[in-house]
């Protein structure tokens, strides 16, 4: 009986070390990628200022507007390519000739 408990002891130590190592790794990933750190009950360890949140919202809003404009331009290009691909060859050659003259 004593022999079995001696064999199990290193496994419990290794399991505990693996759990602590995983916690350290996930915390490092959060810090590296800019996620806020949280306490054991989910409260932020370093509360941000309201101005910081407003600035971040402004930046996200601007980026959203830029992406929407880019998406609109891409939709127009896809429509043009679809029209070229589905139109007959004679109509396409007439339009190219119009552009040349």
PDB file of N, CA and C in Angstrom:
ATOM      1  N   UNK A   1       0.830  -1.186   0.000  1.00  0.00           N
ATOM      2  CA  UNK A   1       0.000   0.000   0.000  1.00  0.00           C
ATOM      3  C   UNK A   1       0.876   1.252   0.000  1.00  0.00           C
ATOM      4  N   UNK A   2       1.891   1.223   0.782  1.00  0.00           N
ATOM      5  CA  UNK A   2       2.790   2.370   0.873  1.00  0.00           C
ATOM      6  C   UNK A   2       3.532   2.574  -0.451  1.00  0.00           C
ATOM      7  N   UNK A   3       3.851   1.490  -1.134  1.00  0.00           N
ATOM      8  CA  UNK A   3       4.544   1.550  -2.404  1.00  0.00           C
ATOM      9  C   UNK A   3       3.695   2.252  -3.471  1.00  0.00           C
ATOM     10  N   UNK A   4       2.393   1.968  -3.503  1.00  0.00           N
ATOM     11  CA  UNK A   4       1.488   2.588  -4.474  1.00  0.00           C
ATOM     12  C   UNK A   4       1.381   4.081  -4.224  1.00  0.00           C
ATOM     13  N   UNK A   5       1.282   4.507  -2.993  1.00  0.00           N
ATOM     14  CA  UNK A   5       1.188   5.940  -2.702  1.00  0.00           C
ATOM     15  C   UNK A   5       2.481   6.649  -3.071  1.00  0.00           C
ATOM     16  N   UNK A   6       3.617   5.978  -2.982  1.00  0.00           N
ATOM     17  CA  UNK A   6       4.885   6.582  -3.391  1.00  0.00           C
ATOM     18  C   UNK A   6       4.925   6.765  -4.902  1.00  0.00           C
ATOM     19  N   UNK A   7       4.315   5.838  -5.644  1.00  0.00           N
ATOM     20  CA  UNK A   7       4.288   5.968  -7.104  1.00  0.00           C
ATOM     21  C   UNK A   7       3.325   7.057  -7.558  1.00  0.00           C
ATOM     22  N   UNK A   8       2.250   7.271  -6.848  1.00  0.00           N
ATOM     23  CA  UNK A   8       1.257   8.273  -7.231  1.00  0.00           C
ATOM     24  C   UNK A   8       1.713   9.683  -6.907  1.00  0.00           C
ATOM     25  N   UNK A   9       2.559   9.851  -5.954  1.00  0.00           N
ATOM     26  CA  UNK A   9       2.995  11.174  -5.521  1.00  0.00           C
ATOM     27  C   UNK A   9       3.624  11.984  -6.660  1.00  0.00           C
ATOM     28  N   UNK A  10       4.538  11.446  -7.458  1.00  0.00           N
ATOM     29  CA  UNK A  10       5.112  12.252  -8.546  1.00  0.00           C
ATOM     30  C   UNK A  10       4.070  12.660  -9.587  1.00  0.00           C
ATOM     31  N   UNK A  11       3.066  11.813  -9.795  1.00  0.00           N
ATOM     32  CA  UNK A  11       2.051  12.170 -10.773  1.00  0.00           C
ATOM     33  C   UNK A  11       1.225  13.362 -10.314  1.00  0.00           C
ATOM     34  N   UNK A  12       0.932  13.438  -9.028  1.00  0.00           N
ATOM     35  CA  UNK A  12       0.201  14.596  -8.513  1.00  0.00           C
ATOM     36  C   UNK A  12       1.047  15.858  -8.627  1.00  0.00           C
ATOM     37  N   UNK A  13       2.327  15.748  -8.376  1.00  0.00           N
ATOM     38  CA  UNK A  13       3.225  16.897  -8.505  1.00  0.00           C
ATOM     39  C   UNK A  13       3.296  17.336  -9.957  1.00  0.00           C
ATOM     40  N   UNK A  14       3.424  16.385 -10.881  1.00  0.00           N
ATOM     41  CA  UNK A  14       3.474  16.731 -12.306  1.00  0.00           C
ATOM     42  C   UNK A  14       2.162  17.349 -12.777  1.00  0.00           C
ATOM     43  N   UNK A  15       1.054  16.831 -12.300  1.00  0.00           N
ATOM     44  CA  UNK A  15      -0.243  17.393 -12.659  1.00  0.00           C
ATOM     45  C   UNK A  15      -0.368  18.829 -12.159  1.00  0.00           C
ATOM     46  N   UNK A  16       0.053  19.070 -10.935  1.00  0.00           N
ATOM     47  CA  UNK A  16       0.019  20.428 -10.394  1.00  0.00           C
ATOM     48  C   UNK A  16       0.929  21.371 -11.162  1.00  0.00           C
ATOM     49  N   UNK A  17       2.110  20.898 -11.536  1.00  0.00           N
ATOM     50  CA  UNK A  17       3.031  21.738 -12.301  1.00  0.00           C
ATOM     51  C   UNK A  17       2.479  22.033 -13.694  1.00  0.00           C
ATOM     52  N   UNK A  18       1.819  21.051 -14.299  1.00  0.00           N
ATOM     53  CA  UNK A  18       1.223  21.268 -15.616  1.00  0.00           C
ATOM     54  C   UNK A  18       0.094  22.296 -15.530  1.00  0.00           C
ATOM     55  N   UNK A  19      -0.709  22.240 -14.471  1.00  0.00           N
ATOM     56  CA  UNK A  19      -1.802  23.205 -14.305  1.00  0.00           C
ATOM     57  C   UNK A  19      -1.249  24.614 -14.123  1.00  0.00           C
ATOM     58  N   UNK A  20      -0.227  24.756 -13.315  1.00  0.00           N
ATOM     59  CA  UNK A  20       0.370  26.078 -13.090  1.00  0.00           C
ATOM     60  C   UNK A  20       1.019  26.573 -14.383  1.00  0.00           C
ATOM     61  N   UNK A  21       1.712  25.690 -15.089  1.00  0.00           N
ATOM     62  CA  UNK A  21       2.327  26.082 -16.359  1.00  0.00           C
ATOM     63  C   UNK A  21       1.294  26.521 -17.381  1.00  0.00           C
ATOM     64  N   UNK A  22       0.161  25.851 -17.436  1.00  0.00           N
ATOM     65  CA  UNK A  22      -0.915  26.251 -18.342  1.00  0.00           C
ATOM     66  C   UNK A  22      -1.483  27.606 -17.990  1.00  0.00           C
ATOM     67  N   UNK A  23      -1.638  27.854 -16.706  1.00  0.00           N
ATOM     68  CA  UNK A  23      -2.148  29.159 -16.264  1.00  0.00           C
ATOM     69  C   UNK A  23      -1.176  30.273 -16.643  1.00  0.00           C
ATOM     70  N   UNK A  24       0.117  30.038 -16.429  1.00  0.00           N
ATOM     71  CA  UNK A  24       1.126  31.044 -16.789  1.00  0.00           C
ATOM     72  C   UNK A  24       1.118  31.276 -18.295  1.00  0.00           C
ATOM     73  N   UNK A  25       1.007  30.213 -19.081  1.00  0.00           N
ATOM     74  CA  UNK A  25       1.005  30.343 -20.533  1.00  0.00           C
ATOM     75  C   UNK A  25      -0.202  31.135 -21.028  1.00  0.00           C
ATOM     76  N   UNK A  26      -1.395  30.828 -20.512  1.00  0.00           N
ATOM     77  CA  UNK A  26      -2.585  31.566 -20.959  1.00  0.00           C
ATOM     78  C   UNK A  26      -2.527  33.027 -20.527  1.00  0.00           C
ATOM     79  N   UNK A  27      -1.976  33.298 -19.353  1.00  0.00           N
ATOM     80  CA  UNK A  27      -1.824  34.691 -18.924  1.00  0.00           C
ATOM     81  C   UNK A  27      -0.851  35.414 -19.845  1.00  0.00           C
ATOM     82  N   UNK A  28       0.239  34.749 -20.219  1.00  0.00           N
ATOM     83  CA  UNK A  28       1.207  35.356 -21.127  1.00  0.00           C
ATOM     84  C   UNK A  28       0.556  35.650 -22.483  1.00  0.00           C
ATOM     85  N   UNK A  29      -0.274  34.713 -22.990  1.00  0.00           N
ATOM     86  CA  UNK A  29      -0.954  34.947 -24.261  1.00  0.00           C
ATOM     87  C   UNK A  29      -1.908  36.128 -24.173  1.00  0.00           C
ATOM     88  N   UNK A  30      -2.602  36.251 -23.070  1.00  0.00           N
ATOM     89  CA  UNK A  30      -3.520  37.389 -22.910  1.00  0.00           C
ATOM     90  C   UNK A  30      -2.764  38.705 -22.911  1.00  0.00           C
ATOM     91  N   UNK A  31      -1.653  38.772 -22.190  1.00  0.00           N
ATOM     92  CA  UNK A  31      -0.863  40.000 -22.139  1.00  0.00           C
ATOM     93  C   UNK A  31      -0.279  40.294 -23.515  1.00  0.00           C
ATOM     94  N   UNK A  32       0.230  39.279 -24.185  1.00  0.00           N
ATOM     95  CA  UNK A  32       0.851  39.455 -25.498  1.00  0.00           C
ATOM     96  C   UNK A  32      -0.143  39.992 -26.521  1.00  0.00           C
ATOM     97  N   UNK A  33      -1.380  39.531 -26.480  1.00  0.00           N
ATOM     98  CA  UNK A  33      -2.383  39.930 -27.458  1.00  0.00           C
ATOM     99  C   UNK A  33      -3.251  41.098 -27.006  1.00  0.00           C
ATOM    100  N   UNK A  34      -2.941  41.697 -25.879  1.00  0.00           N
ATOM    101  CA  UNK A  34      -3.630  42.913 -25.462  1.00  0.00           C
ATOM    102  C   UNK A  34      -4.943  42.718 -24.744  1.00  0.00           C
ATOM    103  N   UNK A  35      -5.242  41.529 -24.301  1.00  0.00           N
ATOM    104  CA  UNK A  35      -6.474  41.300 -23.554  1.00  0.00           C
ATOM    105  C   UNK A  35      -6.291  41.775 -22.114  1.00  0.00           C
ATOM    106  N   UNK A  36      -7.325  42.321 -21.512  1.00  0.00           N
ATOM    107  CA  UNK A  36      -7.184  42.757 -20.119  1.00  0.00           C
ATOM    108  C   UNK A  36      -7.086  41.570 -19.176  1.00  0.00           C
ATOM    109  N   UNK A  37      -6.292  41.723 -18.151  1.00  0.00           N
ATOM    110  CA  UNK A  37      -6.170  40.672 -17.143  1.00  0.00           C
ATOM    111  C   UNK A  37      -7.351  40.759 -16.189  1.00  0.00           C
ATOM    112  N   UNK A  38      -7.786  39.615 -15.695  1.00  0.00           N
ATOM    113  CA  UNK A  38      -8.940  39.571 -14.800  1.00  0.00           C
ATOM    114  C   UNK A  38      -8.560  38.855 -13.519  1.00  0.00           C
ATOM    115  N   UNK A  39      -9.248  39.234 -12.435  1.00  0.00           N
ATOM    116  CA  UNK A  39      -9.060  38.570 -11.164  1.00  0.00           C
ATOM    117  C   UNK A  39      -9.854  37.275 -11.121  1.00  0.00           C
ATOM    118  N   UNK A  40      -9.894  36.652  -9.975  1.00  0.00           N
ATOM    119  CA  UNK A  40     -10.559  35.357  -9.866  1.00  0.00           C
ATOM    120  C   UNK A  40     -12.077  35.454 -10.058  1.00  0.00           C
ATOM    121  N   UNK A  41     -12.665  36.632  -9.844  1.00  0.00           N
ATOM    122  CA  UNK A  41     -14.107  36.796 -10.018  1.00  0.00           C
ATOM    123  C   UNK A  41     -14.456  37.560 -11.288  1.00  0.00           C
ATOM    124  N   UNK A  42     -13.477  37.736 -12.178  1.00  0.00           N
ATOM    125  CA  UNK A  42     -13.746  38.384 -13.455  1.00  0.00           C
ATOM    126  C   UNK A  42     -13.577  39.887 -13.444  1.00  0.00           C
ATOM    127  N   UNK A  43     -13.228  40.482 -12.311  1.00  0.00           N
ATOM    128  CA  UNK A  43     -13.042  41.929 -12.271  1.00  0.00           C
ATOM    129  C   UNK A  43     -11.689  42.275 -12.895  1.00  0.00           C
ATOM    130  N   UNK A  44     -11.594  43.404 -13.603  1.00  0.00           N
ATOM    131  CA  UNK A  44     -10.324  43.772 -14.224  1.00  0.00           C
ATOM    132  C   UNK A  44      -9.276  44.121 -13.165  1.00  0.00           C
ATOM    133  N   UNK A  45      -8.058  43.638 -13.383  1.00  0.00           N
ATOM    134  CA  UNK A  45      -6.989  43.945 -12.440  1.00  0.00           C
ATOM    135  C   UNK A  45      -6.477  45.363 -12.631  1.00  0.00           C
ATOM    136  N   UNK A  46      -6.529  45.844 -13.859  1.00  0.00           N
ATOM    137  CA  UNK A  46      -6.102  47.216 -14.154  1.00  0.00           C
ATOM    138  C   UNK A  46      -7.256  47.887 -14.878  1.00  0.00           C
ATOM    139  N   UNK A  47      -8.151  48.534 -14.143  1.00  0.00           N
ATOM    140  CA  UNK A  47      -9.317  49.120 -14.809  1.00  0.00           C
ATOM    141  C   UNK A  47      -8.893  50.225 -15.768  1.00  0.00           C
ATOM    142  N   UNK A  48      -9.481  50.211 -16.952  1.00  0.00           N
ATOM    143  CA  UNK A  48      -9.187  51.241 -17.944  1.00  0.00           C
ATOM    144  C   UNK A  48      -9.981  52.502 -17.668  1.00  0.00           C
ATOM    145  N   UNK A  49      -9.520  53.585 -18.210  1.00  0.00           N
ATOM    146  CA  UNK A  49     -10.210  54.859 -18.042  1.00  0.00           C
ATOM    147  C   UNK A  49     -11.340  54.954 -19.054  1.00  0.00           C
ATOM    148  N   UNK A  50     -12.382  55.717 -18.766  1.00  0.00           N
ATOM    149  CA  UNK A  50     -13.474  55.877 -19.733  1.00  0.00           C
ATOM    150  C   UNK A  50     -12.989  56.519 -21.032  1.00  0.00           C
ATOM    151  N   UNK A  51     -11.999  57.411 -20.948  1.00  0.00           N
ATOM    152  CA  UNK A  51     -11.484  58.046 -22.156  1.00  0.00           C
ATOM    153  C   UNK A  51     -10.851  57.022 -23.086  1.00  0.00           C
ATOM    154  N   UNK A  52     -10.200  56.052 -22.499  1.00  0.00           N
ATOM    155  CA  UNK A  52      -9.576  54.995 -23.298  1.00  0.00           C
ATOM    156  C   UNK A  52     -10.636  54.221 -24.075  1.00  0.00           C
ATOM    157  N   UNK A  53     -11.740  53.933 -23.444  1.00  0.00           N
ATOM    158  CA  UNK A  53     -12.824  53.199 -24.107  1.00  0.00           C
ATOM    159  C   UNK A  53     -13.431  54.040 -25.227  1.00  0.00           C
ATOM    160  N   UNK A  54     -13.588  55.331 -25.006  1.00  0.00           N
ATOM    161  CA  UNK A  54     -14.155  56.215 -26.034  1.00  0.00           C
ATOM    162  C   UNK A  54     -13.221  56.287 -27.234  1.00  0.00           C
ATOM    163  N   UNK A  55     -11.923  56.417 -26.979  1.00  0.00           N
ATOM    164  CA  UNK A  55     -10.947  56.464 -28.068  1.00  0.00           C
ATOM    165  C   UNK A  55     -10.954  55.164 -28.863  1.00  0.00           C
ATOM    166  N   UNK A  56     -11.009  54.048 -28.159  1.00  0.00           N
ATOM    167  CA  UNK A  56     -11.035  52.754 -28.836  1.00  0.00           C
ATOM    168  C   UNK A  56     -12.293  52.618 -29.682  1.00  0.00           C
ATOM    169  N   UNK A  57     -13.427  53.116 -29.174  1.00  0.00           N
ATOM    170  CA  UNK A  57     -14.673  53.073 -29.934  1.00  0.00           C
ATOM    171  C   UNK A  57     -14.582  53.931 -31.187  1.00  0.00           C
ATOM    172  N   UNK A  58     -13.960  55.104 -31.080  1.00  0.00           N
ATOM    173  CA  UNK A  58     -13.780  55.967 -32.252  1.00  0.00           C
ATOM    174  C   UNK A  58     -12.925  55.275 -33.313  1.00  0.00           C
ATOM    175  N   UNK A  59     -11.842  54.642 -32.873  1.00  0.00           N
ATOM    176  CA  UNK A  59     -10.964  53.957 -33.817  1.00  0.00           C
ATOM    177  C   UNK A  59     -11.688  52.806 -34.511  1.00  0.00           C
ATOM    178  N   UNK A  60     -12.466  52.055 -33.751  1.00  0.00           N
ATOM    179  CA  UNK A  60     -13.210  50.934 -34.328  1.00  0.00           C
ATOM    180  C   UNK A  60     -14.262  51.442 -35.309  1.00  0.00           C
ATOM    181  N   UNK A  61     -14.910  52.557 -34.989  1.00  0.00           N
ATOM    182  CA  UNK A  61     -15.918  53.137 -35.873  1.00  0.00           C
ATOM    183  C   UNK A  61     -15.288  53.595 -37.182  1.00  0.00           C
ATOM    184  N   UNK A  62     -14.119  54.240 -37.098  1.00  0.00           N
ATOM    185  CA  UNK A  62     -13.424  54.686 -38.308  1.00  0.00           C
ATOM    186  C   UNK A  62     -13.002  53.492 -39.165  1.00  0.00           C
ATOM    187  N   UNK A  63     -12.481  52.470 -38.519  1.00  0.00           N
ATOM    188  CA  UNK A  63     -12.065  51.287 -39.255  1.00  0.00           C
ATOM    189  C   UNK A  63     -13.259  50.615 -39.920  1.00  0.00           C
ATOM    190  N   UNK A  64     -14.401  50.603 -39.226  1.00  0.00           N
ATOM    191  CA  UNK A  64     -15.617  50.021 -39.782  1.00  0.00           C
ATOM    192  C   UNK A  64     -16.055  50.789 -41.033  1.00  0.00           C
ATOM    193  N   UNK A  65     -15.983  52.109 -40.991  1.00  0.00           N
ATOM    194  CA  UNK A  65     -16.366  52.916 -42.155  1.00  0.00           C
ATOM    195  C   UNK A  65     -15.427  52.651 -43.327  1.00  0.00           C
ATOM    196  N   UNK A  66     -14.135  52.544 -43.053  1.00  0.00           N
ATOM    197  CA  UNK A  66     -13.172  52.257 -44.122  1.00  0.00           C
ATOM    198  C   UNK A  66     -13.434  50.888 -44.738  1.00  0.00           C
ATOM    199  N   UNK A  67     -13.700  49.913 -43.899  1.00  0.00           N
ATOM    200  CA  UNK A  67     -13.958  48.564 -44.410  1.00  0.00           C
ATOM    201  C   UNK A  67     -15.258  48.510 -45.206  1.00  0.00           C
ATOM    202  N   UNK A  68     -16.261  49.268 -44.787  1.00  0.00           N
ATOM    203  CA  UNK A  68     -17.525  49.304 -45.531  1.00  0.00           C
ATOM    204  C   UNK A  68     -17.315  49.921 -46.906  1.00  0.00           C
ATOM    205  N   UNK A  69     -16.504  50.984 -46.988  1.00  0.00           N
ATOM    206  CA  UNK A  69     -16.216  51.601 -48.283  1.00  0.00           C
ATOM    207  C   UNK A  69     -15.449  50.642 -49.186  1.00  0.00           C
ATOM    208  N   UNK A  70     -14.492  49.950 -48.618  1.00  0.00           N
ATOM    209  CA  UNK A  70     -13.721  48.977 -49.390  1.00  0.00           C
ATOM    210  C   UNK A  70     -14.608  47.835 -49.868  1.00  0.00           C
ATOM    211  N   UNK A  71     -15.522  47.395 -49.026  1.00  0.00           N
ATOM    212  CA  UNK A  71     -16.445  46.332 -49.407  1.00  0.00           C
ATOM    213  C   UNK A  71     -17.346  46.782 -50.558  1.00  0.00           C
ATOM    214  N   UNK A  72     -17.803  48.032 -50.523  1.00  0.00           N
ATOM    215  CA  UNK A  72     -18.620  48.555 -51.617  1.00  0.00           C
ATOM    216  C   UNK A  72     -17.868  48.561 -52.931  1.00  0.00           C
ATOM    217  N   UNK A  73     -16.597  48.987 -52.885  1.00  0.00           N
ATOM    218  CA  UNK A  73     -15.785  49.000 -54.102  1.00  0.00           C
ATOM    219  C   UNK A  73     -15.573  47.584 -54.627  1.00  0.00           C
ATOM    220  N   UNK A  74     -15.344  46.645 -53.734  1.00  0.00           N
ATOM    221  CA  UNK A  74     -15.150  45.256 -54.160  1.00  0.00           C
ATOM    222  C   UNK A  74     -16.424  44.670 -54.754  1.00  0.00           C
ATOM    223  N   UNK A  75     -17.574  45.037 -54.211  1.00  0.00           N
ATOM    224  CA  UNK A  75     -18.841  44.548 -54.772  1.00  0.00           C
ATOM    225  C   UNK A  75     -19.021  45.054 -56.201  1.00  0.00           C
ATOM    226  N   UNK A  76     -18.675  46.326 -56.444  1.00  0.00           N
ATOM    227  CA  UNK A  76     -18.790  46.887 -57.792  1.00  0.00           C
ATOM    228  C   UNK A  76     -17.863  46.149 -58.758  1.00  0.00           C
ATOM    229  N   UNK A  77     -16.648  45.846 -58.309  1.00  0.00           N
ATOM    230  CA  UNK A  77     -15.705  45.132 -59.164  1.00  0.00           C
ATOM    231  C   UNK A  77     -16.206  43.727 -59.478  1.00  0.00           C
ATOM    232  N   UNK A  78     -16.772  43.056 -58.484  1.00  0.00           N
ATOM    233  CA  UNK A  78     -17.289  41.709 -58.713  1.00  0.00           C
ATOM    234  C   UNK A  78     -18.467  41.755 -59.691  1.00  0.00           C
ATOM    235  N   UNK A  79     -19.329  42.752 -59.559  1.00  0.00           N
ATOM    236  CA  UNK A  79     -20.449  42.875 -60.490  1.00  0.00           C
ATOM    237  C   UNK A  79     -19.953  43.081 -61.918  1.00  0.00           C
ATOM    238  N   UNK A  80     -18.921  43.903 -62.074  1.00  0.00           N
ATOM    239  CA  UNK A  80     -18.358  44.124 -63.403  1.00  0.00           C
ATOM    240  C   UNK A  80     -17.764  42.842 -63.962  1.00  0.00           C
ATOM    241  N   UNK A  81     -17.023  42.126 -63.134  1.00  0.00           N
ATOM    242  CA  UNK A  81     -16.437  40.863 -63.587  1.00  0.00           C
ATOM    243  C   UNK A  81     -17.512  39.838 -63.923  1.00  0.00           C
ATOM    244  N   UNK A  82     -18.581  39.793 -63.142  1.00  0.00           N
ATOM    245  CA  UNK A  82     -19.676  38.875 -63.451  1.00  0.00           C
ATOM    246  C   UNK A  82     -20.340  39.234 -64.778  1.00  0.00           C
ATOM    247  N   UNK A  83     -20.508  40.538 -65.016  1.00  0.00           N
ATOM    248  CA  UNK A  83     -21.118  40.979 -66.265  1.00  0.00           C
ATOM    249  C   UNK A  83     -20.229  40.597 -67.451  1.00  0.00           C
ATOM    250  N   UNK A  84     -18.921  40.780 -67.311  1.00  0.00           N
ATOM    251  CA  UNK A  84     -17.992  40.423 -68.381  1.00  0.00           C
ATOM    252  C   UNK A  84     -18.021  38.921 -68.637  1.00  0.00           C
ATOM    253  N   UNK A  85     -18.070  38.144 -67.565  1.00  0.00           N
ATOM    254  CA  UNK A  85     -18.037  36.692 -67.710  1.00  0.00           C
ATOM    255  C   UNK A  85     -19.327  36.139 -68.310  1.00  0.00           C
ATOM    256  N   UNK A  86     -20.458  36.775 -68.038  1.00  0.00           N
ATOM    257  CA  UNK A  86     -21.740  36.238 -68.514  1.00  0.00           C
ATOM    258  C   UNK A  86     -22.207  36.859 -69.812  1.00  0.00           C
ATOM    259  N   UNK A  87     -21.697  38.025 -70.200  1.00  0.00           N
ATOM    260  CA  UNK A  87     -22.120  38.664 -71.451  1.00  0.00           C
ATOM    261  C   UNK A  87     -21.528  37.936 -72.646  1.00  0.00           C
ATOM    262  N   UNK A  88     -22.198  38.117 -73.775  1.00  0.00           N
ATOM    263  CA  UNK A  88     -21.688  37.517 -75.010  1.00  0.00           C
ATOM    264  C   UNK A  88     -20.403  38.204 -75.453  1.00  0.00           C
ATOM    265  N   UNK A  89     -19.634  37.526 -76.252  1.00  0.00           N
ATOM    266  CA  UNK A  89     -18.349  38.054 -76.716  1.00  0.00           C
ATOM    267  C   UNK A  89     -18.503  39.265 -77.613  1.00  0.00           C
ATOM    268  N   UNK A  90     -19.563  39.335 -78.406  1.00  0.00           N
ATOM    269  CA  UNK A  90     -19.728  40.458 -79.331  1.00  0.00           C
ATOM    270  C   UNK A  90     -19.993  41.757 -78.582  1.00  0.00           C
ATOM    271  N   UNK A  91     -20.777  41.698 -77.533  1.00  0.00           N
ATOM    272  CA  UNK A  91     -21.063  42.922 -76.763  1.00  0.00           C
ATOM    273  C   UNK A  91     -19.801  43.426 -76.082  1.00  0.00           C
ATOM    274  N   UNK A  92     -19.001  42.532 -75.560  1.00  0.00           N
ATOM    275  CA  UNK A  92     -17.762  42.919 -74.895  1.00  0.00           C
ATOM    276  C   UNK A  92     -16.804  43.552 -75.894  1.00  0.00           C
ATOM    277  N   UNK A  93     -16.683  42.984 -77.087  1.00  0.00           N
ATOM    278  CA  UNK A  93     -15.771  43.563 -78.071  1.00  0.00           C
ATOM    279  C   UNK A  93     -16.279  44.924 -78.546  1.00  0.00           C
ATOM    280  N   UNK A  94     -17.604  45.129 -78.634  1.00  0.00           N
ATOM    281  CA  UNK A  94     -18.141  46.453 -78.993  1.00  0.00           C
ATOM    282  C   UNK A  94     -17.787  47.476 -77.937  1.00  0.00           C
ATOM    283  N   UNK A  95     -17.904  47.119 -76.657  1.00  0.00           N
ATOM    284  CA  UNK A  95     -17.579  48.068 -75.580  1.00  0.00           C
ATOM    285  C   UNK A  95     -16.099  48.393 -75.573  1.00  0.00           C
ATOM    286  N   UNK A  96     -15.247  47.402 -75.851  1.00  0.00           N
ATOM    287  CA  UNK A  96     -13.804  47.670 -75.908  1.00  0.00           C
ATOM    288  C   UNK A  96     -13.506  48.591 -77.080  1.00  0.00           C
ATOM    289  N   UNK A  97     -14.155  48.382 -78.199  1.00  0.00           N
ATOM    290  CA  UNK A  97     -13.949  49.271 -79.367  1.00  0.00           C
ATOM    291  C   UNK A  97     -14.403  50.693 -79.066  1.00  0.00           C
ATOM    292  N   UNK A  98     -15.500  50.837 -78.333  1.00  0.00           N
ATOM    293  CA  UNK A  98     -15.975  52.175 -77.921  1.00  0.00           C
ATOM    294  C   UNK A  98     -14.923  52.878 -77.069  1.00  0.00           C
ATOM    295  N   UNK A  99     -14.329  52.135 -76.177  1.00  0.00           N
ATOM    296  CA  UNK A  99     -13.325  52.742 -75.308  1.00  0.00           C
ATOM    297  C   UNK A  99     -12.069  53.142 -76.069  1.00  0.00           C
ATOM    298  N   UNK A 100     -11.737  52.411 -77.103  1.00  0.00           N
ATOM    299  CA  UNK A 100     -10.553  52.736 -77.914  1.00  0.00           C
ATOM    300  C   UNK A 100     -10.766  54.029 -78.682  1.00  0.00           C
ATOM    301  N   UNK A 101     -11.985  54.285 -79.141  1.00  0.00           N
ATOM    302  CA  UNK A 101     -12.258  55.476 -79.947  1.00  0.00           C
ATOM    303  C   UNK A 101     -12.636  56.573 -79.082  1.00  0.00           C
TER     304      UNK A 101
END
